[in-house]
Amino acid sequence: MAKAWHLVRRPNGMPVAEDFALRDLPARDLAEGEVRIANRWLSVDPYMRGRMNDVKSYVPPFALDAPMDGGAVGEVIESRAADLPVGTRVQHMAGWRDEAIVPAKGVQKLPEGDIPDQAYLGALGLTGMTAWFGLLAVADAKPGETVFVSAAAGAVGSSVVQIAKARGMTVIGSAGGAEKTEWVRSIGADHVIDYKGNVPLVKALGAAAPDGIDVYFDNVGGDHLDAALAHARQGARFAICGMIDGYNASEPTKLRYLMRVIAARIRMQGFIVSDFMGRIGEFHQGMGEIVAGGNFQREETVVEGLEHTLDAFLGLFSGRNKGKMLVKL
C-alpha cells in the first residue's frame, strides 16, 4: 500500500519527529485524465519549513493530517491520460510519498537524453532556475563584479557560484567546515569563508573583499546578511532568496549594519522562482550552454528510503547536504 508523510502538529522552532507521521494512503481508482506515478526521487527544500506554519505566504501551508507535497520525479505506472502512457518519466509536485495520483495537467514529461532524472529536481530544475534568475535578473550581476554567496555548498548556492564564474565574476562563497569549503573552491569560487571558523564573518568577508562586494546572494540571512551589508559597495544589489538561519528561530535577527542600506544605496529584493516561469526558455538556453561547455558540476547528497525523508529534510538545517539534498526511493 502506498504511504505518505503527514504533518500532524505545527512545529515550534526546529521540527521534531513527533510533528510528522508516515501513514498509508487510501487506495482508489484513477479518474479520467489522471495518472498513477511511482516516485523514484523526492526533493526536500528549506522553504518547506515555512509551509509547516499556519501563516499567509506565497505558497499555502501544509494542512494538518493530510499528505505533504513537494518536488518529485517518477514513472507513470497506470494512466487514464492519452498523452502520458505507462512508462513515461515525469516531474510533478506530489512528493513526500512513494506513489502519487496526479491530474495530467499537473505533471511535466522529462526530456529524452542521458541526463539523470534527479537533475531536474536540482541544477536543471527549479533549483537552477532560482540561482539563474536571482543572480542575473534580480541582482543584475555583471561580468567583472564581485559576488558574495551564502550557503555556497548548498543546492542553490553552488549553482550561483558556477553561473557567476561562467559569466566572468569574482566569487566569494561561504560554507561550513573544511570539506565543504574545499569543494566550493573546487567548483570555481575565488575565495571561500568557513563560517564555522574562528574568524568573525564580518571580518573574514572584509579580508576576502577588501574593496567590497557588488552583489550578495542570500540563502541564510542573519550574520551573513549583516556582513554583506557591512561590506557592500555603493549601488550593491542583494537578491534575497532564503534566510535559513531564521526559519526555526524564536527571536528576530538583529542587523548591526542595516543602516548602510541608505549610505551605500543598496537595493535589496526578495524573489520567488515562480516569478520567472514565463522566462524558462532563457534559463534552458543559458544553463544548457554552461553545462554543454563542461563548466558545471552537479553534487547531490542522497538519502535512501521514504522512511528517511524526514531525516533528509532536517539535515538541511544542520548542514548535512553538499549540493542538492535528495531522497531516493
Protein backbone atom coordinates (compact mmCIF):
# COMPACT_ATOMS: atom_id res chain seq x y z
CA MET A 1 0.00 0.00 0.00
CA ALA A 2 1.24 3.49 -0.86
CA LYS A 3 2.43 5.67 2.00
CA ALA A 4 2.89 9.41 2.51
CA TRP A 5 4.30 11.69 5.18
CA HIS A 6 1.68 13.76 7.01
CA LEU A 7 2.12 16.86 9.17
CA VAL A 8 0.29 16.12 12.42
CA ARG A 9 1.43 19.09 14.53
CA ARG A 10 2.74 22.59 13.81
CA PRO A 11 6.45 22.68 14.76
CA ASN A 12 7.65 25.03 17.46
CA GLY A 13 11.15 26.01 16.39
CA MET A 14 13.14 23.14 14.89
CA PRO A 15 10.75 20.38 13.76
CA VAL A 16 10.91 17.08 15.62
CA ALA A 17 9.82 13.58 14.65
CA GLU A 18 6.61 13.87 16.67
CA ASP A 19 5.39 16.60 14.31
CA PHE A 20 5.08 14.05 11.48
CA ALA A 21 3.65 10.63 10.73
CA LEU A 22 4.17 8.19 7.85
CA ARG A 23 0.73 6.82 7.00
CA ASP A 24 -0.95 4.62 4.43
CA LEU A 25 -2.74 6.36 1.58
CA PRO A 26 -6.27 5.22 0.83
CA ALA A 27 -6.49 3.14 -2.35
CA ARG A 28 -8.68 4.42 -5.17
CA ASP A 29 -9.16 4.02 -8.92
CA LEU A 30 -7.98 6.67 -11.36
CA ALA A 31 -10.42 9.24 -12.68
CA GLU A 32 -10.37 10.24 -16.34
CA GLY A 33 -7.33 12.41 -17.07
CA GLU A 34 -5.29 11.14 -14.09
CA VAL A 35 -2.08 9.12 -13.86
CA ARG A 36 -0.59 6.98 -11.13
CA ILE A 37 3.13 7.63 -10.63
CA ALA A 38 5.72 5.54 -8.85
CA ASN A 39 8.04 8.16 -7.39
CA ARG A 40 11.75 7.47 -7.82
CA TRP A 41 13.27 10.67 -6.39
CA LEU A 42 11.96 13.23 -3.89
CA SER A 43 13.19 16.75 -3.23
CA VAL A 44 13.38 18.29 0.23
CA ASP A 45 13.98 22.04 0.42
CA PRO A 46 14.32 24.68 3.15
CA TYR A 47 11.19 26.59 2.02
CA MET A 48 9.11 23.62 3.19
CA ARG A 49 9.76 24.66 6.79
CA GLY A 50 7.70 27.81 6.24
CA ARG A 51 4.81 25.75 4.92
CA MET A 52 4.62 23.98 8.28
CA ASN A 53 3.46 27.20 9.93
CA ASP A 54 -0.15 28.32 9.64
CA VAL A 55 0.66 31.73 8.20
CA LYS A 56 -0.10 33.52 4.98
CA SER A 57 2.73 33.21 2.48
CA TYR A 58 3.45 32.84 -1.23
CA VAL A 59 2.55 29.14 -1.02
CA PRO A 60 -0.27 27.65 1.10
CA PRO A 61 0.72 25.99 4.39
CA PHE A 62 0.67 22.23 4.74
CA ALA A 63 -2.70 21.08 6.09
CA LEU A 64 -2.65 19.10 9.30
CA ASP A 65 -3.33 15.36 8.99
CA ALA A 66 -3.03 15.50 5.21
CA PRO A 67 -0.28 14.24 2.88
CA MET A 68 2.55 16.72 2.40
CA ASP A 69 3.86 17.56 -1.04
CA GLY A 70 6.99 18.70 -2.82
CA GLY A 71 9.03 18.16 -5.94
CA ALA A 72 9.37 14.61 -7.26
CA VAL A 73 10.25 12.65 -10.38
CA GLY A 74 8.95 9.23 -11.21
CA GLU A 75 7.41 6.89 -13.76
CA VAL A 76 3.79 6.56 -14.84
CA ILE A 77 2.60 3.07 -13.86
CA GLU A 78 -1.11 3.50 -14.68
CA SER A 79 -2.75 6.05 -16.94
CA ARG A 80 -6.08 7.45 -17.96
CA ALA A 81 -4.45 10.26 -19.91
CA ALA A 82 -3.70 9.55 -23.57
CA ASP A 83 -0.57 11.70 -23.78
CA LEU A 84 1.00 10.12 -20.67
CA PRO A 85 1.24 6.39 -21.35
CA VAL A 86 2.64 3.88 -18.89
CA GLY A 87 6.41 4.20 -18.72
CA THR A 88 6.53 7.99 -19.20
CA ARG A 89 9.12 9.68 -16.96
CA VAL A 90 7.63 12.75 -15.32
CA GLN A 91 8.21 15.56 -12.85
CA HIS A 92 5.48 16.78 -10.50
CA MET A 93 4.76 18.22 -7.04
CA ALA A 94 3.25 15.22 -5.24
CA GLY A 95 6.34 14.27 -3.29
CA TRP A 96 6.80 13.11 0.34
CA ARG A 97 5.18 9.80 -0.78
CA ASP A 98 6.15 6.72 -2.74
CA GLU A 99 3.17 6.72 -5.08
CA ALA A 100 1.03 9.60 -6.33
CA ILE A 101 -2.18 10.12 -8.28
CA VAL A 102 -1.90 13.36 -10.24
CA PRO A 103 -4.01 15.07 -12.93
CA ALA A 104 -2.24 15.05 -16.29
CA LYS A 105 -2.06 18.85 -16.26
CA GLY A 106 -0.04 18.65 -13.03
CA VAL A 107 2.90 16.71 -14.49
CA GLN A 108 5.68 17.54 -16.90
CA LYS A 109 7.38 14.99 -19.14
CA LEU A 110 11.12 14.73 -18.65
CA PRO A 111 13.24 15.33 -21.76
CA GLU A 112 14.80 12.36 -23.50
CA GLY A 113 18.55 12.09 -23.21
CA ASP A 114 21.38 10.98 -20.96
CA ILE A 115 20.79 13.45 -18.14
CA PRO A 116 19.84 11.63 -14.89
CA ASP A 117 16.21 12.15 -13.90
CA GLN A 118 17.07 13.63 -10.50
CA ALA A 119 18.93 16.51 -12.15
CA TYR A 120 15.52 18.00 -12.95
CA LEU A 121 14.95 18.43 -9.21
CA GLY A 122 18.22 20.33 -8.92
CA ALA A 123 20.52 22.22 -11.25
CA LEU A 124 18.35 21.73 -14.34
CA GLY A 125 15.09 22.32 -12.49
CA LEU A 126 13.71 24.93 -10.11
CA THR A 127 16.92 24.97 -8.06
CA GLY A 128 18.99 26.02 -11.05
CA MET A 129 16.32 28.49 -12.16
CA THR A 130 16.37 30.09 -8.72
CA ALA A 131 20.12 30.58 -8.94
CA TRP A 132 19.99 31.82 -12.54
CA PHE A 133 17.30 34.46 -12.21
CA GLY A 134 18.26 35.50 -8.68
CA LEU A 135 21.79 36.28 -9.80
CA LEU A 136 21.25 37.61 -13.30
CA ALA A 137 17.78 39.17 -13.15
CA VAL A 138 17.13 40.16 -9.53
CA ALA A 139 20.71 41.16 -8.65
CA ASP A 140 21.54 42.15 -12.24
CA ALA A 141 25.07 40.80 -11.74
CA LYS A 142 27.55 41.71 -14.46
CA PRO A 143 30.96 40.43 -15.62
CA GLY A 144 33.79 41.82 -13.53
CA GLU A 145 31.70 42.31 -10.40
CA THR A 146 32.32 40.71 -7.01
CA VAL A 147 29.58 38.37 -5.79
CA PHE A 148 29.20 37.03 -2.25
CA VAL A 149 27.15 33.82 -1.95
CA SER A 150 25.99 32.39 1.38
CA ALA A 151 25.35 28.64 1.76
CA ALA A 152 27.61 28.22 -1.25
CA ALA A 153 27.82 24.46 -0.73
CA GLY A 154 24.05 24.09 -0.90
CA ALA A 155 21.91 23.33 -3.93
CA VAL A 156 21.12 26.91 -4.93
CA GLY A 157 24.35 28.43 -3.66
CA SER A 158 26.63 26.05 -5.54
CA SER A 159 24.70 26.79 -8.73
CA VAL A 160 25.11 30.52 -8.17
CA VAL A 161 28.87 30.10 -7.72
CA GLN A 162 29.22 28.28 -11.04
CA ILE A 163 26.90 30.54 -13.02
CA ALA A 164 28.73 33.61 -11.71
CA LYS A 165 32.12 32.19 -12.67
CA ALA A 166 30.86 31.23 -16.12
CA ARG A 167 29.70 34.83 -16.54
CA GLY A 168 33.09 36.31 -15.60
CA MET A 169 32.52 37.40 -12.00
CA THR A 170 34.71 37.17 -8.92
CA VAL A 171 33.00 34.90 -6.41
CA ILE A 172 33.27 34.70 -2.64
CA GLY A 173 31.43 31.76 -1.11
CA SER A 174 30.60 30.89 2.48
CA ALA A 175 30.37 27.29 3.66
CA GLY A 176 30.76 25.36 6.90
CA GLY A 177 33.76 23.12 7.54
CA ALA A 178 36.92 22.16 5.69
CA GLU A 179 35.34 19.61 3.34
CA LYS A 180 32.64 21.97 2.11
CA THR A 181 34.91 24.98 1.77
CA GLU A 182 37.35 22.95 -0.31
CA TRP A 183 34.52 21.74 -2.54
CA VAL A 184 33.20 25.26 -3.08
CA ARG A 185 36.71 26.27 -4.07
CA SER A 186 36.88 23.32 -6.48
CA ILE A 187 33.76 24.48 -8.36
CA GLY A 188 35.29 27.85 -9.03
CA ALA A 189 34.95 30.21 -6.06
CA ASP A 190 37.86 32.65 -5.86
CA HIS A 191 37.65 32.91 -2.07
CA VAL A 192 35.82 30.71 0.42
CA ILE A 193 34.93 31.64 4.01
CA ASP A 194 34.47 28.93 6.61
CA TYR A 195 31.67 30.41 8.71
CA LYS A 196 32.34 27.75 11.35
CA GLY A 197 35.90 29.02 11.76
CA ASN A 198 37.30 31.26 14.47
CA VAL A 199 37.27 34.49 12.46
CA PRO A 200 34.05 36.52 12.75
CA LEU A 201 32.17 36.51 9.47
CA VAL A 202 32.20 40.27 9.01
CA LYS A 203 35.99 40.32 9.43
CA ALA A 204 36.51 37.31 7.13
CA LEU A 205 34.43 38.91 4.37
CA GLY A 206 36.39 42.13 4.72
CA ALA A 207 39.63 40.22 4.18
CA ALA A 208 38.23 38.36 1.16
CA ALA A 209 36.75 41.51 -0.40
CA PRO A 210 38.88 44.47 0.69
CA ASP A 211 37.23 46.64 -1.97
CA GLY A 212 33.73 45.48 -1.05
CA ILE A 213 31.08 43.45 -2.84
CA ASP A 214 28.75 44.40 -5.68
CA VAL A 215 26.24 41.57 -5.27
CA TYR A 216 25.05 39.44 -2.38
CA PHE A 217 23.02 36.28 -3.00
CA ASP A 218 21.37 35.48 0.32
CA ASN A 219 20.35 31.97 1.30
CA VAL A 220 21.00 32.37 5.01
CA GLY A 221 20.15 35.78 6.47
CA GLY A 222 21.44 36.51 9.99
CA ASP A 223 25.17 37.17 10.34
CA HIS A 224 25.75 36.58 6.62
CA LEU A 225 23.33 39.32 5.64
CA ASP A 226 24.83 41.63 8.24
CA ALA A 227 28.36 41.02 6.94
CA ALA A 228 27.21 41.69 3.38
CA LEU A 229 25.66 44.99 4.49
CA ALA A 230 28.90 45.94 6.19
CA HIS A 231 30.98 45.42 3.02
CA ALA A 232 28.55 46.43 0.28
CA ARG A 233 29.86 48.88 -2.28
CA GLN A 234 27.78 51.84 -3.34
CA GLY A 235 24.92 50.64 -5.51
CA ALA A 236 25.23 46.99 -4.41
CA ARG A 237 22.32 44.68 -5.16
CA PHE A 238 21.10 41.97 -2.79
CA ALA A 239 19.00 39.07 -4.08
CA ILE A 240 17.17 37.63 -1.06
CA CYS A 241 16.42 34.01 -1.88
CA GLY A 242 16.16 32.47 1.58
CA MET A 243 17.01 33.00 5.24
CA ILE A 244 17.53 29.53 6.65
CA ASP A 245 19.07 30.96 9.83
CA GLY A 246 15.67 32.32 10.81
CA TYR A 247 13.31 29.53 9.79
CA ASN A 248 13.42 27.87 13.22
CA ALA A 249 14.43 30.92 15.28
CA SER A 250 12.32 32.19 18.17
CA GLU A 251 13.88 35.67 18.15
CA PRO A 252 14.15 38.12 15.21
CA THR A 253 17.53 38.67 13.62
CA LYS A 254 19.40 41.80 14.71
CA LEU A 255 21.31 43.58 11.94
CA ARG A 256 24.01 45.94 13.18
CA TYR A 257 24.80 47.29 9.71
CA LEU A 258 21.30 47.71 8.35
CA MET A 259 21.62 51.49 8.11
CA ARG A 260 24.25 51.07 5.39
CA VAL A 261 21.32 50.42 3.05
CA ILE A 262 20.92 54.20 2.97
CA ALA A 263 24.52 55.37 2.69
CA ALA A 264 25.54 52.74 0.13
CA ARG A 265 22.24 52.98 -1.81
CA ILE A 266 21.86 49.21 -1.51
CA ARG A 267 18.96 47.61 -3.37
CA MET A 268 17.54 44.55 -1.62
CA GLN A 269 14.91 42.45 -3.38
CA GLY A 270 13.25 39.25 -2.31
CA PHE A 271 12.12 36.88 -5.03
CA ILE A 272 10.48 33.53 -5.73
CA VAL A 273 11.39 31.40 -8.72
CA SER A 274 7.77 31.27 -9.86
CA ASP A 275 8.11 34.97 -10.69
CA PHE A 276 10.17 33.88 -13.70
CA MET A 277 8.29 30.89 -15.08
CA GLY A 278 7.44 32.90 -18.19
CA ARG A 279 11.17 33.16 -18.93
CA ILE A 280 12.05 29.49 -18.51
CA GLY A 281 13.35 29.38 -22.09
CA GLU A 282 16.14 31.81 -21.18
CA PHE A 283 17.23 29.52 -18.38
CA HIS A 284 17.16 26.38 -20.52
CA GLN A 285 19.28 28.03 -23.20
CA GLY A 286 21.75 29.73 -20.87
CA MET A 287 22.24 26.88 -18.44
CA GLY A 288 22.33 24.42 -21.29
CA GLU A 289 25.31 26.29 -22.76
CA ILE A 290 27.15 26.21 -19.43
CA VAL A 291 26.50 22.51 -18.91
CA ALA A 292 27.37 21.66 -22.54
CA GLY A 293 30.64 23.56 -22.15
CA GLY A 294 31.68 21.34 -19.26
CA ASN A 295 31.60 24.25 -16.80
CA PHE A 296 29.11 22.87 -14.31
CA GLN A 297 29.36 20.22 -11.60
CA ARG A 298 26.25 18.64 -10.08
CA GLU A 299 26.60 17.48 -6.50
CA GLU A 300 23.94 15.51 -4.64
CA THR A 301 23.50 14.26 -1.11
CA VAL A 302 21.28 11.19 -1.38
CA VAL A 303 19.27 9.65 1.45
CA GLU A 304 17.65 6.32 0.58
CA GLY A 305 14.13 5.26 1.52
CA LEU A 306 10.82 7.02 2.04
CA GLU A 307 11.08 6.32 5.76
CA HIS A 308 14.16 8.55 5.90
CA THR A 309 12.62 11.57 4.13
CA LEU A 310 12.23 13.42 7.41
CA ASP A 311 15.89 12.78 8.26
CA ALA A 312 16.88 14.27 4.91
CA PHE A 313 14.71 17.34 5.46
CA LEU A 314 16.03 18.01 8.96
CA GLY A 315 19.57 17.53 7.64
CA LEU A 316 19.16 20.74 5.65
CA PHE A 317 19.22 22.73 8.90
CA SER A 318 22.35 21.11 10.29
CA GLY A 319 24.38 21.38 7.09
CA ARG A 320 24.34 17.68 6.20
CA ASN A 321 23.95 18.34 2.49
CA LYS A 322 26.57 19.17 -0.09
CA GLY A 323 24.74 20.29 -3.20
CA LYS A 324 21.16 19.12 -3.64
CA MET A 325 19.52 17.02 -0.92
CA LEU A 326 17.50 14.17 -2.45
CA VAL A 327 15.62 11.11 -1.30
CA LYS A 328 15.94 8.03 -3.50
CA LEU A 329 13.06 5.57 -3.43
